[in-house]
All heavy atoms as atom14 arrays in JSON, in Angstrom:
{
  "sequence": "IVKAPTSTGAADAGGYAQPWHRDHYARVGRGSALTIVEFTAIDDGAAL",
  "atom14_mask": [
    [1, 1, 1, 1, 1, 1, 1, 1, 0, 0, 0, 0, 0, 0],
    [1, 1, 1, 1, 1, 1, 1, 0, 0, 0, 0, 0, 0, 0],
    [1, 1, 1, 1, 1, 1, 1, 1, 1, 0, 0, 0, 0, 0],
    [1, 1, 1, 1, 1, 0, 0, 0, 0, 0, 0, 0, 0, 0],
    [1, 1, 1, 1, 1, 1, 1, 0, 0, 0, 0, 0, 0, 0],
    [1, 1, 1, 1, 1, 1, 1, 0, 0, 0, 0, 0, 0, 0],
    [1, 1, 1, 1, 1, 1, 0, 0, 0, 0, 0, 0, 0, 0],
    [1, 1, 1, 1, 1, 1, 1, 0, 0, 0, 0, 0, 0, 0],
    [1, 1, 1, 1, 0, 0, 0, 0, 0, 0, 0, 0, 0, 0],
    [1, 1, 1, 1, 1, 0, 0, 0, 0, 0, 0, 0, 0, 0],
    [1, 1, 1, 1, 1, 0, 0, 0, 0, 0, 0, 0, 0, 0],
    [1, 1, 1, 1, 1, 1, 1, 1, 0, 0, 0, 0, 0, 0],
    [1, 1, 1, 1, 1, 0, 0, 0, 0, 0, 0, 0, 0, 0],
    [1, 1, 1, 1, 0, 0, 0, 0, 0, 0, 0, 0, 0, 0],
    [1, 1, 1, 1, 0, 0, 0, 0, 0, 0, 0, 0, 0, 0],
    [1, 1, 1, 1, 1, 1, 1, 1, 1, 1, 1, 1, 0, 0],
    [1, 1, 1, 1, 1, 0, 0, 0, 0, 0, 0, 0, 0, 0],
    [1, 1, 1, 1, 1, 1, 1, 1, 1, 0, 0, 0, 0, 0],
    [1, 1, 1, 1, 1, 1, 1, 0, 0, 0, 0, 0, 0, 0],
    [1, 1, 1, 1, 1, 1, 1, 1, 1, 1, 1, 1, 1, 1],
    [1, 1, 1, 1, 1, 1, 1, 1, 1, 1, 0, 0, 0, 0],
    [1, 1, 1, 1, 1, 1, 1, 1, 1, 1, 1, 0, 0, 0],
    [1, 1, 1, 1, 1, 1, 1, 1, 0, 0, 0, 0, 0, 0],
    [1, 1, 1, 1, 1, 1, 1, 1, 1, 1, 0, 0, 0, 0],
    [1, 1, 1, 1, 1, 1, 1, 1, 1, 1, 1, 1, 0, 0],
    [1, 1, 1, 1, 1, 0, 0, 0, 0, 0, 0, 0, 0, 0],
    [1, 1, 1, 1, 1, 1, 1, 1, 1, 1, 1, 0, 0, 0],
    [1, 1, 1, 1, 1, 1, 1, 0, 0, 0, 0, 0, 0, 0],
    [1, 1, 1, 1, 0, 0, 0, 0, 0, 0, 0, 0, 0, 0],
    [1, 1, 1, 1, 1, 1, 1, 1, 1, 1, 1, 0, 0, 0],
    [1, 1, 1, 1, 0, 0, 0, 0, 0, 0, 0, 0, 0, 0],
    [1, 1, 1, 1, 1, 1, 0, 0, 0, 0, 0, 0, 0, 0],
    [1, 1, 1, 1, 1, 0, 0, 0, 0, 0, 0, 0, 0, 0],
    [1, 1, 1, 1, 1, 1, 1, 1, 0, 0, 0, 0, 0, 0],
    [1, 1, 1, 1, 1, 1, 1, 0, 0, 0, 0, 0, 0, 0],
    [1, 1, 1, 1, 1, 1, 1, 1, 0, 0, 0, 0, 0, 0],
    [1, 1, 1, 1, 1, 1, 1, 0, 0, 0, 0, 0, 0, 0],
    [1, 1, 1, 1, 1, 1, 1, 1, 1, 0, 0, 0, 0, 0],
    [1, 1, 1, 1, 1, 1, 1, 1, 1, 1, 1, 0, 0, 0],
    [1, 1, 1, 1, 1, 1, 1, 0, 0, 0, 0, 0, 0, 0],
    [1, 1, 1, 1, 1, 0, 0, 0, 0, 0, 0, 0, 0, 0],
    [1, 1, 1, 1, 1, 1, 1, 1, 0, 0, 0, 0, 0, 0],
    [1, 1, 1, 1, 1, 1, 1, 1, 0, 0, 0, 0, 0, 0],
    [1, 1, 1, 1, 1, 1, 1, 1, 0, 0, 0, 0, 0, 0],
    [1, 1, 1, 1, 0, 0, 0, 0, 0, 0, 0, 0, 0, 0],
    [1, 1, 1, 1, 1, 0, 0, 0, 0, 0, 0, 0, 0, 0],
    [1, 1, 1, 1, 1, 0, 0, 0, 0, 0, 0, 0, 0, 0],
    [1, 1, 1, 1, 1, 1, 1, 1, 0, 0, 0, 0, 0, 0]
  ],
  "atom14_positions": [
    [[88.39, -35.04, 30.61], [87.35, -35.27, 31.62], [86.25, -34.22, 31.5], [86.52, -33.01, 31.55], [87.94, -35.24, 33.05], [89.04, -36.29, 33.19], [86.84, -35.47, 34.08], [89.8, -36.2, 34.5], [0.0, 0.0, 0.0], [0.0, 0.0, 0.0], [0.0, 0.0, 0.0], [0.0, 0.0, 0.0], [0.0, 0.0, 0.0], [0.0, 0.0, 0.0]],
    [[85.01, -34.7, 31.38], [83.85, -33.83, 31.24], [82.92, -34.06, 32.43], [82.65, -35.21, 32.8], [83.09, -34.13, 29.94], [81.81, -33.29, 29.84], [83.99, -33.9, 28.73], [0.0, 0.0, 0.0], [0.0, 0.0, 0.0], [0.0, 0.0, 0.0], [0.0, 0.0, 0.0], [0.0, 0.0, 0.0], [0.0, 0.0, 0.0], [0.0, 0.0, 0.0]],
    [[82.45, -32.98, 33.03], [81.35, -33.08, 34.0], [80.05, -33.09, 33.2], [79.69, -32.11, 32.57], [81.38, -31.9, 34.97], [80.09, -31.66, 35.75], [79.76, -32.78, 36.71], [78.44, -32.5, 37.43], [77.24, -32.68, 36.57], [0.0, 0.0, 0.0], [0.0, 0.0, 0.0], [0.0, 0.0, 0.0], [0.0, 0.0, 0.0], [0.0, 0.0, 0.0]],
    [[79.36, -34.22, 33.23], [78.14, -34.37, 32.45], [77.01, -33.53, 33.05], [77.0, -33.26, 34.25], [77.73, -35.84, 32.4], [0.0, 0.0, 0.0], [0.0, 0.0, 0.0], [0.0, 0.0, 0.0], [0.0, 0.0, 0.0], [0.0, 0.0, 0.0], [0.0, 0.0, 0.0], [0.0, 0.0, 0.0], [0.0, 0.0, 0.0], [0.0, 0.0, 0.0]],
    [[76.04, -33.14, 32.22], [74.91, -32.38, 32.75], [74.05, -33.25, 33.66], [73.62, -34.34, 33.28], [74.14, -31.96, 31.49], [74.55, -32.93, 30.44], [75.95, -33.34, 30.76], [0.0, 0.0, 0.0], [0.0, 0.0, 0.0], [0.0, 0.0, 0.0], [0.0, 0.0, 0.0], [0.0, 0.0, 0.0], [0.0, 0.0, 0.0], [0.0, 0.0, 0.0]],
    [[73.83, -32.77, 34.88], [73.01, -33.48, 35.87], [72.01, -32.5, 36.45], [72.41, -31.52, 37.08], [73.88, -34.05, 37.01], [74.96, -34.8, 36.46], [73.07, -34.93, 37.93], [0.0, 0.0, 0.0], [0.0, 0.0, 0.0], [0.0, 0.0, 0.0], [0.0, 0.0, 0.0], [0.0, 0.0, 0.0], [0.0, 0.0, 0.0], [0.0, 0.0, 0.0]],
    [[70.73, -32.75, 36.25], [69.72, -31.81, 36.72], [69.79, -31.65, 38.24], [69.94, -32.63, 38.97], [68.33, -32.3, 36.32], [68.2, -32.33, 34.92], [0.0, 0.0, 0.0], [0.0, 0.0, 0.0], [0.0, 0.0, 0.0], [0.0, 0.0, 0.0], [0.0, 0.0, 0.0], [0.0, 0.0, 0.0], [0.0, 0.0, 0.0], [0.0, 0.0, 0.0]],
    [[69.66, -30.41, 38.69], [69.71, -30.13, 40.13], [68.36, -29.84, 40.73], [68.18, -29.95, 41.94], [70.64, -28.92, 40.41], [70.1, -27.76, 39.77], [72.05, -29.18, 39.91], [0.0, 0.0, 0.0], [0.0, 0.0, 0.0], [0.0, 0.0, 0.0], [0.0, 0.0, 0.0], [0.0, 0.0, 0.0], [0.0, 0.0, 0.0], [0.0, 0.0, 0.0]],
    [[67.38, -29.43, 39.91], [66.05, -29.13, 40.44], [66.02, -27.96, 41.39], [65.17, -27.91, 42.28], [0.0, 0.0, 0.0], [0.0, 0.0, 0.0], [0.0, 0.0, 0.0], [0.0, 0.0, 0.0], [0.0, 0.0, 0.0], [0.0, 0.0, 0.0], [0.0, 0.0, 0.0], [0.0, 0.0, 0.0], [0.0, 0.0, 0.0], [0.0, 0.0, 0.0]],
    [[66.93, -27.01, 41.21], [67.06, -25.93, 42.19], [66.74, -24.55, 41.64], [66.98, -23.55, 42.32], [68.49, -25.93, 42.75], [0.0, 0.0, 0.0], [0.0, 0.0, 0.0], [0.0, 0.0, 0.0], [0.0, 0.0, 0.0], [0.0, 0.0, 0.0], [0.0, 0.0, 0.0], [0.0, 0.0, 0.0], [0.0, 0.0, 0.0], [0.0, 0.0, 0.0]],
    [[66.21, -24.47, 40.42], [65.82, -23.16, 39.89], [64.58, -22.65, 40.62], [63.83, -23.42, 41.23], [65.54, -23.27, 38.39], [0.0, 0.0, 0.0], [0.0, 0.0, 0.0], [0.0, 0.0, 0.0], [0.0, 0.0, 0.0], [0.0, 0.0, 0.0], [0.0, 0.0, 0.0], [0.0, 0.0, 0.0], [0.0, 0.0, 0.0], [0.0, 0.0, 0.0]],
    [[64.33, -21.34, 40.54], [63.12, -20.8, 41.16], [61.92, -21.09, 40.26], [62.04, -21.73, 39.2], [63.27, -19.32, 41.48], [63.27, -18.41, 40.25], [63.09, -18.91, 39.12], [63.46, -17.2, 40.43], [0.0, 0.0, 0.0], [0.0, 0.0, 0.0], [0.0, 0.0, 0.0], [0.0, 0.0, 0.0], [0.0, 0.0, 0.0], [0.0, 0.0, 0.0]],
    [[60.75, -20.61, 40.67], [59.52, -20.93, 39.94], [59.55, -20.42, 38.5], [58.83, -20.94, 37.65], [58.31, -20.37, 40.68], [0.0, 0.0, 0.0], [0.0, 0.0, 0.0], [0.0, 0.0, 0.0], [0.0, 0.0, 0.0], [0.0, 0.0, 0.0], [0.0, 0.0, 0.0], [0.0, 0.0, 0.0], [0.0, 0.0, 0.0], [0.0, 0.0, 0.0]],
    [[60.36, -19.4, 38.22], [60.46, -18.87, 36.87], [61.55, -19.51, 36.04], [61.79, -19.09, 34.9], [0.0, 0.0, 0.0], [0.0, 0.0, 0.0], [0.0, 0.0, 0.0], [0.0, 0.0, 0.0], [0.0, 0.0, 0.0], [0.0, 0.0, 0.0], [0.0, 0.0, 0.0], [0.0, 0.0, 0.0], [0.0, 0.0, 0.0], [0.0, 0.0, 0.0]],
    [[62.25, -20.51, 36.59], [63.32, -21.17, 35.86], [64.65, -20.44, 35.92], [65.56, -20.74, 35.14], [0.0, 0.0, 0.0], [0.0, 0.0, 0.0], [0.0, 0.0, 0.0], [0.0, 0.0, 0.0], [0.0, 0.0, 0.0], [0.0, 0.0, 0.0], [0.0, 0.0, 0.0], [0.0, 0.0, 0.0], [0.0, 0.0, 0.0], [0.0, 0.0, 0.0]],
    [[64.79, -19.49, 36.86], [66.01, -18.69, 36.93], [67.06, -19.36, 37.81], [66.75, -19.9, 38.88], [65.69, -17.29, 37.48], [64.91, -16.44, 36.52], [63.52, -16.39, 36.58], [65.55, -15.7, 35.53], [62.79, -15.62, 35.68], [64.83, -14.92, 34.64], [63.45, -14.89, 34.72], [62.73, -14.13, 33.83], [0.0, 0.0, 0.0], [0.0, 0.0, 0.0]],
    [[68.32, -19.3, 37.36], [69.43, -19.77, 38.17], [69.56, -18.91, 39.41], [69.3, -17.71, 39.4], [70.72, -19.74, 37.36], [0.0, 0.0, 0.0], [0.0, 0.0, 0.0], [0.0, 0.0, 0.0], [0.0, 0.0, 0.0], [0.0, 0.0, 0.0], [0.0, 0.0, 0.0], [0.0, 0.0, 0.0], [0.0, 0.0, 0.0], [0.0, 0.0, 0.0]],
    [[70.0, -19.55, 40.5], [70.15, -18.9, 41.8], [71.63, -18.83, 42.19], [72.47, -19.52, 41.6], [69.37, -19.7, 42.86], [67.89, -19.88, 42.53], [67.16, -18.56, 42.46], [67.09, -17.82, 43.43], [66.62, -18.26, 41.28], [0.0, 0.0, 0.0], [0.0, 0.0, 0.0], [0.0, 0.0, 0.0], [0.0, 0.0, 0.0], [0.0, 0.0, 0.0]],
    [[71.97, -18.05, 43.21], [73.35, -18.09, 43.72], [73.8, -19.5, 44.07], [74.98, -19.84, 43.94], [73.3, -17.18, 44.94], [72.2, -16.2, 44.63], [71.17, -16.99, 43.87], [0.0, 0.0, 0.0], [0.0, 0.0, 0.0], [0.0, 0.0, 0.0], [0.0, 0.0, 0.0], [0.0, 0.0, 0.0], [0.0, 0.0, 0.0], [0.0, 0.0, 0.0]],
    [[72.84, -20.33, 44.49], [73.17, -21.73, 44.8], [73.81, -22.41, 43.6], [74.77, -23.19, 43.75], [71.91, -22.48, 45.21], [72.14, -23.91, 45.55], [72.4, -24.44, 46.79], [72.16, -25.04, 44.64], [72.58, -25.8, 46.71], [72.43, -26.19, 45.4], [71.97, -25.17, 43.27], [72.52, -27.45, 44.83], [72.07, -26.43, 42.7], [72.33, -27.56, 43.47]],
    [[73.28, -22.16, 42.39], [73.85, -22.78, 41.19], [75.29, -22.35, 40.97], [76.15, -23.17, 40.62], [73.02, -22.42, 39.95], [71.67, -23.05, 39.92], [70.55, -22.42, 40.42], [71.25, -24.26, 39.43], [69.5, -23.21, 40.25], [69.89, -24.32, 39.65], [0.0, 0.0, 0.0], [0.0, 0.0, 0.0], [0.0, 0.0, 0.0], [0.0, 0.0, 0.0]],
    [[75.56, -21.08, 41.17], [76.93, -20.58, 41.02], [77.87, -21.33, 41.94], [78.95, -21.8, 41.52], [76.94, -19.09, 41.34], [78.31, -18.42, 41.27], [78.25, -17.08, 41.98], [77.92, -17.27, 43.4], [77.28, -16.38, 44.15], [76.87, -15.24, 43.64], [77.04, -16.63, 45.42], [0.0, 0.0, 0.0], [0.0, 0.0, 0.0], [0.0, 0.0, 0.0]],
    [[77.48, -21.48, 43.2], [78.35, -22.16, 44.17], [78.43, -23.66, 43.89], [79.49, -24.27, 44.05], [77.83, -21.91, 45.59], [77.87, -20.44, 45.97], [78.65, -19.68, 45.35], [77.12, -20.03, 46.88], [0.0, 0.0, 0.0], [0.0, 0.0, 0.0], [0.0, 0.0, 0.0], [0.0, 0.0, 0.0], [0.0, 0.0, 0.0], [0.0, 0.0, 0.0]],
    [[77.32, -24.25, 43.47], [77.3, -25.68, 43.18], [78.26, -26.01, 42.04], [79.09, -26.93, 42.16], [75.87, -26.09, 42.81], [75.73, -27.51, 42.34], [75.74, -28.59, 43.2], [75.58, -28.03, 41.08], [75.6, -29.7, 42.5], [75.5, -29.4, 41.22], [0.0, 0.0, 0.0], [0.0, 0.0, 0.0], [0.0, 0.0, 0.0], [0.0, 0.0, 0.0]],
    [[78.17, -25.27, 40.95], [79.03, -25.57, 39.8], [80.46, -25.12, 40.0], [81.37, -25.64, 39.35], [78.43, -24.99, 38.52], [77.28, -25.81, 38.0], [75.96, -25.39, 38.16], [77.5, -27.03, 37.39], [74.9, -26.16, 37.7], [76.46, -27.81, 36.93], [75.16, -27.37, 37.1], [74.13, -28.15, 36.65], [0.0, 0.0, 0.0], [0.0, 0.0, 0.0]],
    [[80.69, -24.18, 40.91], [82.07, -23.86, 41.28], [82.73, -25.03, 41.98], [83.94, -25.25, 41.85], [82.1, -22.63, 42.17], [0.0, 0.0, 0.0], [0.0, 0.0, 0.0], [0.0, 0.0, 0.0], [0.0, 0.0, 0.0], [0.0, 0.0, 0.0], [0.0, 0.0, 0.0], [0.0, 0.0, 0.0], [0.0, 0.0, 0.0], [0.0, 0.0, 0.0]],
    [[81.93, -25.82, 42.68], [82.46, -26.93, 43.47], [82.42, -28.26, 42.7], [83.41, -28.98, 42.61], [81.61, -27.06, 44.75], [82.03, -28.19, 45.68], [83.17, -27.75, 46.58], [83.54, -28.83, 47.48], [84.48, -29.73, 47.22], [85.14, -29.7, 46.08], [84.78, -30.67, 48.1], [0.0, 0.0, 0.0], [0.0, 0.0, 0.0], [0.0, 0.0, 0.0]],
    [[81.26, -28.58, 42.15], [81.08, -29.88, 41.51], [81.69, -29.84, 40.1], [81.31, -29.02, 39.28], [79.59, -30.24, 41.44], [79.4, -31.54, 40.67], [79.01, -30.38, 42.85], [0.0, 0.0, 0.0], [0.0, 0.0, 0.0], [0.0, 0.0, 0.0], [0.0, 0.0, 0.0], [0.0, 0.0, 0.0], [0.0, 0.0, 0.0], [0.0, 0.0, 0.0]],
    [[82.62, -30.73, 39.87], [83.3, -30.76, 38.58], [84.61, -30.0, 38.57], [85.26, -29.9, 37.53], [0.0, 0.0, 0.0], [0.0, 0.0, 0.0], [0.0, 0.0, 0.0], [0.0, 0.0, 0.0], [0.0, 0.0, 0.0], [0.0, 0.0, 0.0], [0.0, 0.0, 0.0], [0.0, 0.0, 0.0], [0.0, 0.0, 0.0], [0.0, 0.0, 0.0]],
    [[84.98, -29.48, 39.72], [86.24, -28.74, 39.78], [87.39, -29.65, 39.32], [87.48, -30.8, 39.71], [86.49, -28.27, 41.22], [87.66, -27.32, 41.36], [87.7, -26.72, 42.75], [87.85, -27.73, 43.79], [87.72, -27.47, 45.08], [87.4, -26.27, 45.49], [87.89, -28.43, 45.97], [0.0, 0.0, 0.0], [0.0, 0.0, 0.0], [0.0, 0.0, 0.0]],
    [[88.23, -29.12, 38.45], [89.35, -29.9, 37.92], [89.04, -30.58, 36.61], [89.96, -31.09, 35.95], [0.0, 0.0, 0.0], [0.0, 0.0, 0.0], [0.0, 0.0, 0.0], [0.0, 0.0, 0.0], [0.0, 0.0, 0.0], [0.0, 0.0, 0.0], [0.0, 0.0, 0.0], [0.0, 0.0, 0.0], [0.0, 0.0, 0.0], [0.0, 0.0, 0.0]],
    [[87.77, -30.61, 36.2], [87.45, -31.19, 34.89], [87.88, -30.22, 33.79], [88.23, -29.07, 34.04], [85.95, -31.48, 34.8], [85.19, -30.28, 34.81], [0.0, 0.0, 0.0], [0.0, 0.0, 0.0], [0.0, 0.0, 0.0], [0.0, 0.0, 0.0], [0.0, 0.0, 0.0], [0.0, 0.0, 0.0], [0.0, 0.0, 0.0], [0.0, 0.0, 0.0]],
    [[87.83, -30.71, 32.56], [88.15, -29.82, 31.44], [86.93, -29.06, 30.96], [87.01, -27.89, 30.59], [88.72, -30.65, 30.29], [0.0, 0.0, 0.0], [0.0, 0.0, 0.0], [0.0, 0.0, 0.0], [0.0, 0.0, 0.0], [0.0, 0.0, 0.0], [0.0, 0.0, 0.0], [0.0, 0.0, 0.0], [0.0, 0.0, 0.0], [0.0, 0.0, 0.0]],
    [[85.79, -29.71, 30.98], [84.53, -29.14, 30.5], [83.45, -29.49, 31.5], [83.26, -30.66, 31.84], [84.18, -29.72, 29.12], [82.76, -29.5, 28.59], [82.47, -28.02, 28.42], [82.57, -30.25, 27.26], [0.0, 0.0, 0.0], [0.0, 0.0, 0.0], [0.0, 0.0, 0.0], [0.0, 0.0, 0.0], [0.0, 0.0, 0.0], [0.0, 0.0, 0.0]],
    [[82.75, -28.48, 31.99], [81.61, -28.7, 32.88], [80.36, -28.25, 32.14], [80.22, -27.07, 31.81], [81.77, -27.92, 34.2], [82.86, -28.47, 34.94], [80.5, -28.0, 35.04], [0.0, 0.0, 0.0], [0.0, 0.0, 0.0], [0.0, 0.0, 0.0], [0.0, 0.0, 0.0], [0.0, 0.0, 0.0], [0.0, 0.0, 0.0], [0.0, 0.0, 0.0]],
    [[79.45, -29.2, 31.88], [78.22, -28.9, 31.15], [77.09, -28.7, 32.15], [76.73, -29.62, 32.89], [77.85, -30.01, 30.16], [79.03, -30.31, 29.21], [76.61, -29.62, 29.35], [78.77, -31.46, 28.25], [0.0, 0.0, 0.0], [0.0, 0.0, 0.0], [0.0, 0.0, 0.0], [0.0, 0.0, 0.0], [0.0, 0.0, 0.0], [0.0, 0.0, 0.0]],
    [[76.56, -27.49, 32.18], [75.44, -27.19, 33.06], [74.2, -27.88, 32.53], [74.0, -28.02, 31.32], [75.24, -25.66, 33.17], [73.96, -25.31, 33.93], [76.46, -25.03, 33.86], [0.0, 0.0, 0.0], [0.0, 0.0, 0.0], [0.0, 0.0, 0.0], [0.0, 0.0, 0.0], [0.0, 0.0, 0.0], [0.0, 0.0, 0.0], [0.0, 0.0, 0.0]],
    [[73.38, -28.26, 33.45], [72.26, -29.15, 33.23], [71.28, -28.73, 32.14], [71.21, -27.56, 31.74], [71.49, -29.25, 34.55], [70.92, -27.9, 34.99], [70.62, -27.84, 36.46], [71.55, -27.52, 37.24], [69.48, -28.11, 36.84], [0.0, 0.0, 0.0], [0.0, 0.0, 0.0], [0.0, 0.0, 0.0], [0.0, 0.0, 0.0], [0.0, 0.0, 0.0]],
    [[70.48, -29.68, 31.72], [69.29, -29.57, 30.88], [68.56, -28.25, 31.16], [68.04, -28.03, 32.25], [68.43, -30.78, 31.29], [67.07, -30.9, 30.69], [66.88, -31.72, 29.6], [65.98, -30.27, 31.25], [65.61, -31.9, 29.07], [64.71, -30.43, 30.73], [64.52, -31.25, 29.63], [0.0, 0.0, 0.0], [0.0, 0.0, 0.0], [0.0, 0.0, 0.0]],
    [[68.54, -27.34, 30.18], [68.0, -26.0, 30.36], [66.95, -25.73, 29.29], [67.21, -25.89, 28.1], [69.14, -24.96, 30.28], [70.16, -25.31, 31.21], [68.65, -23.58, 30.61], [0.0, 0.0, 0.0], [0.0, 0.0, 0.0], [0.0, 0.0, 0.0], [0.0, 0.0, 0.0], [0.0, 0.0, 0.0], [0.0, 0.0, 0.0], [0.0, 0.0, 0.0]],
    [[65.75, -25.33, 29.71], [64.6, -25.25, 28.81], [64.7, -24.04, 27.88], [65.01, -22.93, 28.31], [63.32, -25.18, 29.62], [0.0, 0.0, 0.0], [0.0, 0.0, 0.0], [0.0, 0.0, 0.0], [0.0, 0.0, 0.0], [0.0, 0.0, 0.0], [0.0, 0.0, 0.0], [0.0, 0.0, 0.0], [0.0, 0.0, 0.0], [0.0, 0.0, 0.0]],
    [[64.37, -24.26, 26.61], [64.49, -23.2, 25.61], [63.34, -22.2, 25.67], [63.43, -21.12, 25.11], [64.57, -23.78, 24.19], [63.28, -24.54, 23.84], [65.8, -24.68, 24.05], [63.12, -24.84, 22.37], [0.0, 0.0, 0.0], [0.0, 0.0, 0.0], [0.0, 0.0, 0.0], [0.0, 0.0, 0.0], [0.0, 0.0, 0.0], [0.0, 0.0, 0.0]],
    [[62.23, -22.57, 26.32], [61.14, -21.62, 26.51], [60.53, -21.84, 27.88], [60.88, -22.81, 28.58], [60.09, -21.71, 25.39], [59.36, -23.04, 25.34], [58.91, -23.52, 26.4], [59.21, -23.61, 24.24], [0.0, 0.0, 0.0], [0.0, 0.0, 0.0], [0.0, 0.0, 0.0], [0.0, 0.0, 0.0], [0.0, 0.0, 0.0], [0.0, 0.0, 0.0]],
    [[59.62, -20.96, 28.27], [59.03, -21.08, 29.6], [57.63, -21.69, 29.54], [56.81, -21.49, 30.44], [59.01, -19.74, 30.33], [58.32, -18.64, 29.53], [57.7, -18.97, 28.5], [58.4, -17.48, 29.95], [0.0, 0.0, 0.0], [0.0, 0.0, 0.0], [0.0, 0.0, 0.0], [0.0, 0.0, 0.0], [0.0, 0.0, 0.0], [0.0, 0.0, 0.0]],
    [[57.37, -22.46, 28.46], [56.1, -23.15, 28.32], [56.3, -24.64, 28.35], [56.78, -25.2, 29.33], [0.0, 0.0, 0.0], [0.0, 0.0, 0.0], [0.0, 0.0, 0.0], [0.0, 0.0, 0.0], [0.0, 0.0, 0.0], [0.0, 0.0, 0.0], [0.0, 0.0, 0.0], [0.0, 0.0, 0.0], [0.0, 0.0, 0.0], [0.0, 0.0, 0.0]],
    [[55.98, -25.3, 27.24], [56.03, -26.76, 27.19], [57.44, -27.32, 27.28], [57.61, -28.5, 27.58], [55.37, -27.25, 25.89], [0.0, 0.0, 0.0], [0.0, 0.0, 0.0], [0.0, 0.0, 0.0], [0.0, 0.0, 0.0], [0.0, 0.0, 0.0], [0.0, 0.0, 0.0], [0.0, 0.0, 0.0], [0.0, 0.0, 0.0], [0.0, 0.0, 0.0]],
    [[58.46, -26.49, 27.04], [59.84, -26.98, 27.15], [60.22, -27.3, 28.57], [61.1, -28.14, 28.82], [60.81, -25.95, 26.57], [0.0, 0.0, 0.0], [0.0, 0.0, 0.0], [0.0, 0.0, 0.0], [0.0, 0.0, 0.0], [0.0, 0.0, 0.0], [0.0, 0.0, 0.0], [0.0, 0.0, 0.0], [0.0, 0.0, 0.0], [0.0, 0.0, 0.0]],
    [[59.59, -26.63, 29.56], [59.89, -26.89, 30.96], [59.35, -28.25, 31.37], [58.18, -28.56, 31.12], [59.28, -25.81, 31.85], [60.0, -24.46, 31.88], [59.12, -23.4, 32.52], [61.33, -24.59, 32.63], [0.0, 0.0, 0.0], [0.0, 0.0, 0.0], [0.0, 0.0, 0.0], [0.0, 0.0, 0.0], [0.0, 0.0, 0.0], [0.0, 0.0, 0.0]]
  ]
}
């Protein structure tokens, strides 16, 4: 069982993960074998 990556739209203006993300992923997908954190931009320009 895999938790698929699902965008949360909850990063700050700089694209940084927040404590909310830590708590969200601790809860959502609990019990799965692999939890894939969402679509994450490789740069802070056009990739966002």
